[in-house]
Every structure is written in C-alpha cells, then in structure tokens.
Amino acid sequence: MSNGSKVHIMNSKWELYYQKMKGEYIVDLSERRKEIRLTQEALAKILEVDRSSISKWENKETIPSINMLKKLAIVFCCTIDELLKD
C-alpha cells in the first residue's frame, strides 16, 4: 500500500468518526447558552472566538476542541462529561 493510500484511508476513517461525532457528541449548546441568558456574541467574547464559531457548534457544523469544551464547561458551570451525551 502506498503512502497516499494510507493517508486516504486514515482521512476516510477520521471523516466517518467526525460525521458520527458531529451529530451525537454534545448536548444542545444553544439551550445551555440561553439558560444562562447569553447571546452568541457574549459567549464568543467570553471564549475569545468568533460568533460564527458559536453558531457552527450550535448547528453541529463543527465540533469544539477539547480545550474549548473545558472553557464551555466553566462557563456553563458543569463538567465536560455533562456536556457530552451518553
């Protein structure tokens, strides 16, 4: 197997994992954010990210990094485990 084939297989496996995680990985961030009465803009400012990042996470277009999950847990006064679905 050539290196190009190995990379393609690894990328394909990662893509499948990413697609699965995208829809199932995390509780409704929008609901959590609204519970503490923050706008997307306010949460973005606290986390030092663009508002578009918050929107993408809430719409499950992208996944927050583990470091960002740590920050989200602090903002939402919960654990990372509580943010992750069973």
C-alpha atoms as a PDB file:
ATOM      1  CA  MET A   1       0.000   0.000   0.000  1.00  0.00           C
ATOM      2  CA  SER A   2       1.408   3.380  -0.951  1.00  0.00           C
ATOM      3  CA  ASN A   3       1.660   6.280   1.473  1.00  0.00           C
ATOM      4  CA  GLY A   4      -1.050   8.100  -0.462  1.00  0.00           C
ATOM      5  CA  SER A   5      -3.430   5.165   0.032  1.00  0.00           C
ATOM      6  CA  LYS A   6      -2.677   5.014   3.762  1.00  0.00           C
ATOM      7  CA  VAL A   7      -3.351   8.723   4.130  1.00  0.00           C
ATOM      8  CA  HIS A   8      -6.618   8.407   2.216  1.00  0.00           C
ATOM      9  CA  ILE A   9      -7.774   5.502   4.423  1.00  0.00           C
ATOM     10  CA  MET A  10      -6.809   7.389   7.583  1.00  0.00           C
ATOM     11  CA  ASN A  11      -8.616  10.502   6.343  1.00  0.00           C
ATOM     12  CA  SER A  12     -11.669   8.414   5.438  1.00  0.00           C
ATOM     13  CA  LYS A  13     -11.767   6.842   8.904  1.00  0.00           C
ATOM     14  CA  TRP A  14     -11.401  10.241  10.517  1.00  0.00           C
ATOM     15  CA  GLU A  15     -14.167  11.651   8.329  1.00  0.00           C
ATOM     16  CA  LEU A  16     -16.539   8.834   9.347  1.00  0.00           C
ATOM     17  CA  TYR A  17     -15.697   9.403  13.016  1.00  0.00           C
ATOM     18  CA  TYR A  18     -16.122  13.154  12.636  1.00  0.00           C
ATOM     19  CA  GLN A  19     -19.500  12.787  10.920  1.00  0.00           C
ATOM     20  CA  LYS A  20     -20.714  10.472  13.686  1.00  0.00           C
ATOM     21  CA  MET A  21     -19.476  12.767  16.436  1.00  0.00           C
ATOM     22  CA  LYS A  22     -20.886  15.885  14.815  1.00  0.00           C
ATOM     23  CA  GLY A  23     -24.456  14.837  15.383  1.00  0.00           C
ATOM     24  CA  GLU A  24     -24.134  12.916  18.623  1.00  0.00           C
ATOM     25  CA  TYR A  25     -21.313  14.262  20.698  1.00  0.00           C
ATOM     26  CA  ILE A  26     -22.669  17.111  22.730  1.00  0.00           C
ATOM     27  CA  VAL A  27     -25.779  18.440  24.400  1.00  0.00           C
ATOM     28  CA  ASP A  28     -27.680  21.340  22.893  1.00  0.00           C
ATOM     29  CA  LEU A  29     -25.256  24.232  23.377  1.00  0.00           C
ATOM     30  CA  SER A  30     -27.874  26.726  22.271  1.00  0.00           C
ATOM     31  CA  GLU A  31     -30.165  25.605  25.078  1.00  0.00           C
ATOM     32  CA  ARG A  32     -27.352  25.783  27.644  1.00  0.00           C
ATOM     33  CA  ARG A  33     -26.359  29.241  26.427  1.00  0.00           C
ATOM     34  CA  LYS A  34     -29.920  30.537  26.628  1.00  0.00           C
ATOM     35  CA  GLU A  35     -30.358  29.083  30.140  1.00  0.00           C
ATOM     36  CA  ILE A  36     -27.657  31.442  31.371  1.00  0.00           C
ATOM     37  CA  ARG A  37     -29.030  34.281  29.246  1.00  0.00           C
ATOM     38  CA  LEU A  38     -26.052  34.792  26.970  1.00  0.00           C
ATOM     39  CA  THR A  39     -26.170  35.794  23.337  1.00  0.00           C
ATOM     40  CA  GLN A  40     -23.897  34.104  20.832  1.00  0.00           C
ATOM     41  CA  GLU A  41     -21.904  37.328  20.734  1.00  0.00           C
ATOM     42  CA  ALA A  42     -21.476  37.423  24.520  1.00  0.00           C
ATOM     43  CA  LEU A  43     -20.403  33.769  24.697  1.00  0.00           C
ATOM     44  CA  ALA A  44     -17.987  34.308  21.825  1.00  0.00           C
ATOM     45  CA  LYS A  45     -16.422  37.232  23.652  1.00  0.00           C
ATOM     46  CA  ILE A  46     -16.014  35.209  26.857  1.00  0.00           C
ATOM     47  CA  LEU A  47     -14.410  32.323  24.949  1.00  0.00           C
ATOM     48  CA  GLU A  48     -12.364  34.642  22.716  1.00  0.00           C
ATOM     49  CA  VAL A  49     -13.719  33.169  19.477  1.00  0.00           C
ATOM     50  CA  ASP A  50     -15.792  34.498  16.580  1.00  0.00           C
ATOM     51  CA  ARG A  51     -19.559  34.448  16.917  1.00  0.00           C
ATOM     52  CA  SER A  52     -19.610  32.258  13.827  1.00  0.00           C
ATOM     53  CA  SER A  53     -17.786  29.550  15.812  1.00  0.00           C
ATOM     54  CA  ILE A  54     -20.585  29.522  18.387  1.00  0.00           C
ATOM     55  CA  SER A  55     -23.157  29.282  15.600  1.00  0.00           C
ATOM     56  CA  LYS A  56     -21.311  26.390  13.949  1.00  0.00           C
ATOM     57  CA  TRP A  57     -21.104  24.478  17.247  1.00  0.00           C
ATOM     58  CA  GLU A  58     -24.784  25.048  17.969  1.00  0.00           C
ATOM     59  CA  ASN A  59     -25.765  23.933  14.467  1.00  0.00           C
ATOM     60  CA  LYS A  60     -23.399  20.936  14.735  1.00  0.00           C
ATOM     61  CA  GLU A  61     -21.428  22.055  11.691  1.00  0.00           C
ATOM     62  CA  THR A  62     -18.159  21.796  13.637  1.00  0.00           C
ATOM     63  CA  ILE A  63     -17.001  20.376  16.947  1.00  0.00           C
ATOM     64  CA  PRO A  64     -15.403  22.473  19.713  1.00  0.00           C
ATOM     65  CA  SER A  65     -11.867  21.383  20.582  1.00  0.00           C
ATOM     66  CA  ILE A  66     -11.215  19.691  23.902  1.00  0.00           C
ATOM     67  CA  ASN A  67      -9.711  22.943  25.175  1.00  0.00           C
ATOM     68  CA  MET A  68     -12.865  24.781  24.177  1.00  0.00           C
ATOM     69  CA  LEU A  69     -15.011  22.104  25.851  1.00  0.00           C
ATOM     70  CA  LYS A  70     -13.079  22.831  29.053  1.00  0.00           C
ATOM     71  CA  LYS A  71     -13.893  26.523  28.722  1.00  0.00           C
ATOM     72  CA  LEU A  72     -17.535  25.800  27.894  1.00  0.00           C
ATOM     73  CA  ALA A  73     -17.811  23.621  30.990  1.00  0.00           C
ATOM     74  CA  ILE A  74     -16.525  26.503  33.114  1.00  0.00           C
ATOM     75  CA  VAL A  75     -18.953  28.986  31.558  1.00  0.00           C
ATOM     76  CA  PHE A  76     -21.893  26.580  31.928  1.00  0.00           C
ATOM     77  CA  CYS A  77     -20.837  25.558  35.477  1.00  0.00           C
ATOM     78  CA  CYS A  78     -20.752  21.878  34.637  1.00  0.00           C
ATOM     79  CA  THR A  79     -18.281  19.136  33.816  1.00  0.00           C
ATOM     80  CA  ILE A  80     -17.162  18.148  30.341  1.00  0.00           C
ATOM     81  CA  ASP A  81     -18.955  14.850  30.935  1.00  0.00           C
ATOM     82  CA  GLU A  82     -22.209  16.744  31.413  1.00  0.00           C
ATOM     83  CA  LEU A  83     -21.694  18.415  28.038  1.00  0.00           C
ATOM     84  CA  LEU A  84     -21.112  15.097  26.315  1.00  0.00           C
ATOM     85  CA  LYS A  85     -24.024  12.850  25.530  1.00  0.00           C
ATOM     86  CA  ASP A  86     -24.030   9.254  26.775  1.00  0.00           C
END
